[in-house]
Amino acid sequence: MNITHQPKGSELLTEKEAAQYIRMSQSFLAKDRMNGYRSGHKQGPEFIKIGMRNIRYRKEDLDSWIMSNRIVRELPK
């Protein structure tokens, strides 16, 4: 299997790389994976679990998560 020709944006990042990319801590991502389905908890970015311990994040999922948390404020009229 040749993975050198991945489509742009589908690059897989480790937890450390993903944390650096979104400028959050690794512990934020780890806690989110543990608490992600509790009621009242705002979910973090989607992730891929490979085997028992390998976690990866796609850049496009991180970008989508960032944009879903974007708040646009409008001036009152």
N, C-alpha and C. Protein backbone atom coordinates (compact mmCIF):
# COMPACT_ATOMS: atom_id res chain seq x y z
N MET A 1 0.85 -1.19 0.00
CA MET A 1 0.00 0.00 0.00
C MET A 1 0.88 1.24 0.00
N ASN A 2 0.67 2.11 -0.92
CA ASN A 2 1.46 3.31 -1.05
C ASN A 2 0.65 4.49 -0.52
N ILE A 3 1.09 5.08 0.58
CA ILE A 3 0.34 6.20 1.17
C ILE A 3 0.98 7.55 0.87
N THR A 4 1.94 7.57 -0.04
CA THR A 4 2.61 8.83 -0.36
C THR A 4 1.74 9.76 -1.19
N HIS A 5 0.66 9.22 -1.79
CA HIS A 5 -0.19 10.05 -2.65
C HIS A 5 -1.54 10.30 -2.00
N GLN A 6 -1.53 10.75 -0.76
CA GLN A 6 -2.77 11.06 -0.07
C GLN A 6 -3.31 12.39 -0.60
N PRO A 7 -4.63 12.51 -0.68
CA PRO A 7 -5.20 13.78 -1.10
C PRO A 7 -4.84 14.88 -0.10
N LYS A 8 -4.72 16.09 -0.59
CA LYS A 8 -4.39 17.22 0.28
C LYS A 8 -5.44 17.35 1.38
N GLY A 9 -4.99 17.54 2.61
CA GLY A 9 -5.89 17.69 3.74
C GLY A 9 -6.19 16.38 4.46
N SER A 10 -5.79 15.24 3.87
CA SER A 10 -6.07 13.97 4.51
C SER A 10 -4.86 13.44 5.29
N GLU A 11 -3.88 14.28 5.50
CA GLU A 11 -2.69 13.89 6.24
C GLU A 11 -3.07 13.52 7.67
N LEU A 12 -2.53 12.41 8.17
CA LEU A 12 -2.81 11.98 9.53
C LEU A 12 -1.76 12.54 10.47
N LEU A 13 -2.23 13.09 11.58
CA LEU A 13 -1.35 13.67 12.58
C LEU A 13 -1.43 12.86 13.87
N THR A 14 -0.31 12.78 14.58
CA THR A 14 -0.33 12.16 15.90
C THR A 14 -1.05 13.11 16.87
N GLU A 15 -1.30 12.62 18.07
CA GLU A 15 -1.95 13.47 19.07
C GLU A 15 -1.10 14.72 19.36
N LYS A 16 0.20 14.54 19.47
CA LYS A 16 1.10 15.67 19.74
C LYS A 16 1.06 16.68 18.59
N GLU A 17 1.12 16.19 17.36
CA GLU A 17 1.08 17.07 16.20
C GLU A 17 -0.27 17.79 16.10
N ALA A 18 -1.35 17.06 16.39
CA ALA A 18 -2.69 17.66 16.34
C ALA A 18 -2.82 18.75 17.40
N ALA A 19 -2.32 18.49 18.60
CA ALA A 19 -2.39 19.49 19.67
C ALA A 19 -1.63 20.75 19.28
N GLN A 20 -0.47 20.58 18.67
CA GLN A 20 0.31 21.73 18.23
C GLN A 20 -0.43 22.47 17.12
N TYR A 21 -1.05 21.73 16.22
CA TYR A 21 -1.75 22.32 15.09
C TYR A 21 -2.92 23.20 15.54
N ILE A 22 -3.69 22.73 16.54
CA ILE A 22 -4.84 23.51 17.01
C ILE A 22 -4.49 24.39 18.21
N ARG A 23 -3.22 24.36 18.61
CA ARG A 23 -2.71 25.17 19.72
C ARG A 23 -3.45 24.91 21.03
N MET A 24 -3.64 23.61 21.29
CA MET A 24 -4.23 23.16 22.55
C MET A 24 -3.27 22.11 23.13
N SER A 25 -3.53 21.69 24.36
CA SER A 25 -2.67 20.69 24.98
C SER A 25 -3.07 19.27 24.57
N GLN A 26 -2.11 18.36 24.69
CA GLN A 26 -2.40 16.96 24.44
C GLN A 26 -3.42 16.45 25.45
N SER A 27 -3.35 16.95 26.67
CA SER A 27 -4.29 16.48 27.69
C SER A 27 -5.72 16.90 27.33
N PHE A 28 -5.89 18.05 26.67
CA PHE A 28 -7.22 18.46 26.21
C PHE A 28 -7.79 17.41 25.26
N LEU A 29 -6.97 16.96 24.31
CA LEU A 29 -7.44 15.96 23.34
C LEU A 29 -7.73 14.63 24.02
N ALA A 30 -6.86 14.22 24.95
CA ALA A 30 -7.06 12.95 25.66
C ALA A 30 -8.33 12.99 26.50
N LYS A 31 -8.53 14.08 27.23
CA LYS A 31 -9.74 14.22 28.06
C LYS A 31 -10.98 14.25 27.19
N ASP A 32 -10.89 14.91 26.04
CA ASP A 32 -12.04 14.96 25.15
C ASP A 32 -12.42 13.57 24.66
N ARG A 33 -11.43 12.75 24.34
CA ARG A 33 -11.74 11.40 23.88
C ARG A 33 -12.42 10.59 24.98
N MET A 34 -12.05 10.82 26.23
CA MET A 34 -12.66 10.08 27.34
C MET A 34 -14.06 10.61 27.68
N ASN A 35 -14.29 11.90 27.53
CA ASN A 35 -15.55 12.52 27.94
C ASN A 35 -16.45 12.93 26.79
N GLY A 36 -16.06 12.63 25.59
CA GLY A 36 -16.74 13.15 24.40
C GLY A 36 -18.21 12.87 24.28
N TYR A 37 -18.71 11.79 24.89
CA TYR A 37 -20.12 11.45 24.71
C TYR A 37 -20.97 11.72 25.94
N ARG A 38 -20.41 12.38 26.93
CA ARG A 38 -21.20 12.74 28.11
C ARG A 38 -22.13 13.89 27.75
N SER A 39 -23.31 13.88 28.35
CA SER A 39 -24.25 14.96 28.04
C SER A 39 -23.71 16.27 28.60
N GLY A 40 -23.90 17.31 27.85
CA GLY A 40 -23.43 18.63 28.26
C GLY A 40 -21.98 18.90 27.90
N HIS A 41 -21.30 17.91 27.34
CA HIS A 41 -19.89 18.09 26.97
C HIS A 41 -19.81 18.44 25.49
N LYS A 42 -19.20 19.56 25.21
CA LYS A 42 -19.01 19.95 23.81
C LYS A 42 -17.91 19.09 23.21
N GLN A 43 -18.20 18.43 22.12
CA GLN A 43 -17.25 17.48 21.55
C GLN A 43 -16.09 18.16 20.86
N GLY A 44 -14.94 17.54 20.99
CA GLY A 44 -13.72 17.99 20.32
C GLY A 44 -13.66 17.43 18.91
N PRO A 45 -12.49 17.52 18.30
CA PRO A 45 -12.35 17.07 16.91
C PRO A 45 -12.48 15.55 16.78
N GLU A 46 -12.94 15.13 15.62
CA GLU A 46 -13.02 13.70 15.32
C GLU A 46 -11.61 13.12 15.28
N PHE A 47 -11.51 11.84 15.59
CA PHE A 47 -10.21 11.18 15.57
C PHE A 47 -10.34 9.78 15.02
N ILE A 48 -9.21 9.18 14.73
CA ILE A 48 -9.14 7.82 14.21
C ILE A 48 -8.36 6.99 15.21
N LYS A 49 -8.91 5.85 15.59
CA LYS A 49 -8.22 4.95 16.51
C LYS A 49 -7.74 3.75 15.71
N ILE A 50 -6.43 3.56 15.70
CA ILE A 50 -5.82 2.46 14.97
C ILE A 50 -5.26 1.48 16.00
N GLY A 51 -5.84 0.32 16.08
CA GLY A 51 -5.40 -0.65 17.09
C GLY A 51 -5.89 -0.22 18.47
N MET A 52 -5.14 -0.60 19.49
CA MET A 52 -5.55 -0.32 20.87
C MET A 52 -5.13 1.07 21.35
N ARG A 53 -4.02 1.59 20.86
CA ARG A 53 -3.48 2.82 21.44
C ARG A 53 -3.15 3.94 20.46
N ASN A 54 -3.11 3.64 19.19
CA ASN A 54 -2.69 4.66 18.23
C ASN A 54 -3.86 5.55 17.83
N ILE A 55 -3.73 6.82 18.14
CA ILE A 55 -4.74 7.81 17.82
C ILE A 55 -4.17 8.74 16.75
N ARG A 56 -4.97 9.02 15.75
CA ARG A 56 -4.56 9.95 14.69
C ARG A 56 -5.70 10.92 14.42
N TYR A 57 -5.34 12.09 13.93
CA TYR A 57 -6.30 13.13 13.57
C TYR A 57 -6.03 13.55 12.14
N ARG A 58 -7.10 13.76 11.37
CA ARG A 58 -6.95 14.28 10.01
C ARG A 58 -6.98 15.80 10.09
N LYS A 59 -6.11 16.45 9.32
CA LYS A 59 -6.07 17.91 9.32
C LYS A 59 -7.42 18.50 8.93
N GLU A 60 -8.08 17.88 7.96
CA GLU A 60 -9.37 18.42 7.52
C GLU A 60 -10.41 18.34 8.65
N ASP A 61 -10.34 17.32 9.50
CA ASP A 61 -11.25 17.23 10.64
C ASP A 61 -10.92 18.30 11.69
N LEU A 62 -9.64 18.56 11.89
CA LEU A 62 -9.24 19.60 12.83
C LEU A 62 -9.70 20.97 12.34
N ASP A 63 -9.51 21.23 11.05
CA ASP A 63 -9.95 22.50 10.47
C ASP A 63 -11.47 22.66 10.58
N SER A 64 -12.19 21.58 10.32
CA SER A 64 -13.65 21.62 10.41
C SER A 64 -14.09 21.88 11.84
N TRP A 65 -13.44 21.25 12.81
CA TRP A 65 -13.77 21.46 14.21
C TRP A 65 -13.51 22.91 14.63
N ILE A 66 -12.39 23.45 14.18
CA ILE A 66 -12.07 24.85 14.50
C ILE A 66 -13.16 25.77 13.95
N MET A 67 -13.55 25.56 12.71
CA MET A 67 -14.56 26.42 12.10
C MET A 67 -15.94 26.24 12.74
N SER A 68 -16.23 25.04 13.24
CA SER A 68 -17.52 24.82 13.89
C SER A 68 -17.61 25.54 15.23
N ASN A 69 -16.47 25.92 15.78
CA ASN A 69 -16.44 26.65 17.04
C ASN A 69 -16.25 28.15 16.85
N ARG A 70 -16.30 28.58 15.61
CA ARG A 70 -16.12 29.99 15.29
C ARG A 70 -17.35 30.78 15.71
N ILE A 71 -17.14 31.89 16.33
CA ILE A 71 -18.22 32.78 16.75
C ILE A 71 -18.07 34.10 16.01
N VAL A 72 -19.11 34.46 15.28
CA VAL A 72 -19.12 35.71 14.53
C VAL A 72 -20.07 36.66 15.24
N ARG A 73 -19.57 37.78 15.64
CA ARG A 73 -20.38 38.78 16.33
C ARG A 73 -20.75 39.90 15.37
N GLU A 74 -21.98 40.31 15.48
CA GLU A 74 -22.44 41.41 14.64
C GLU A 74 -22.70 42.62 15.52
N LEU A 75 -22.43 43.78 14.96
CA LEU A 75 -22.69 45.02 15.68
C LEU A 75 -24.18 45.25 15.75
N PRO A 76 -24.67 45.76 16.89
CA PRO A 76 -26.10 46.07 16.97
C PRO A 76 -26.46 47.20 16.01
N LYS A 77 -27.66 47.12 15.48
CA LYS A 77 -28.12 48.15 14.52
C LYS A 77 -28.90 49.23 15.20
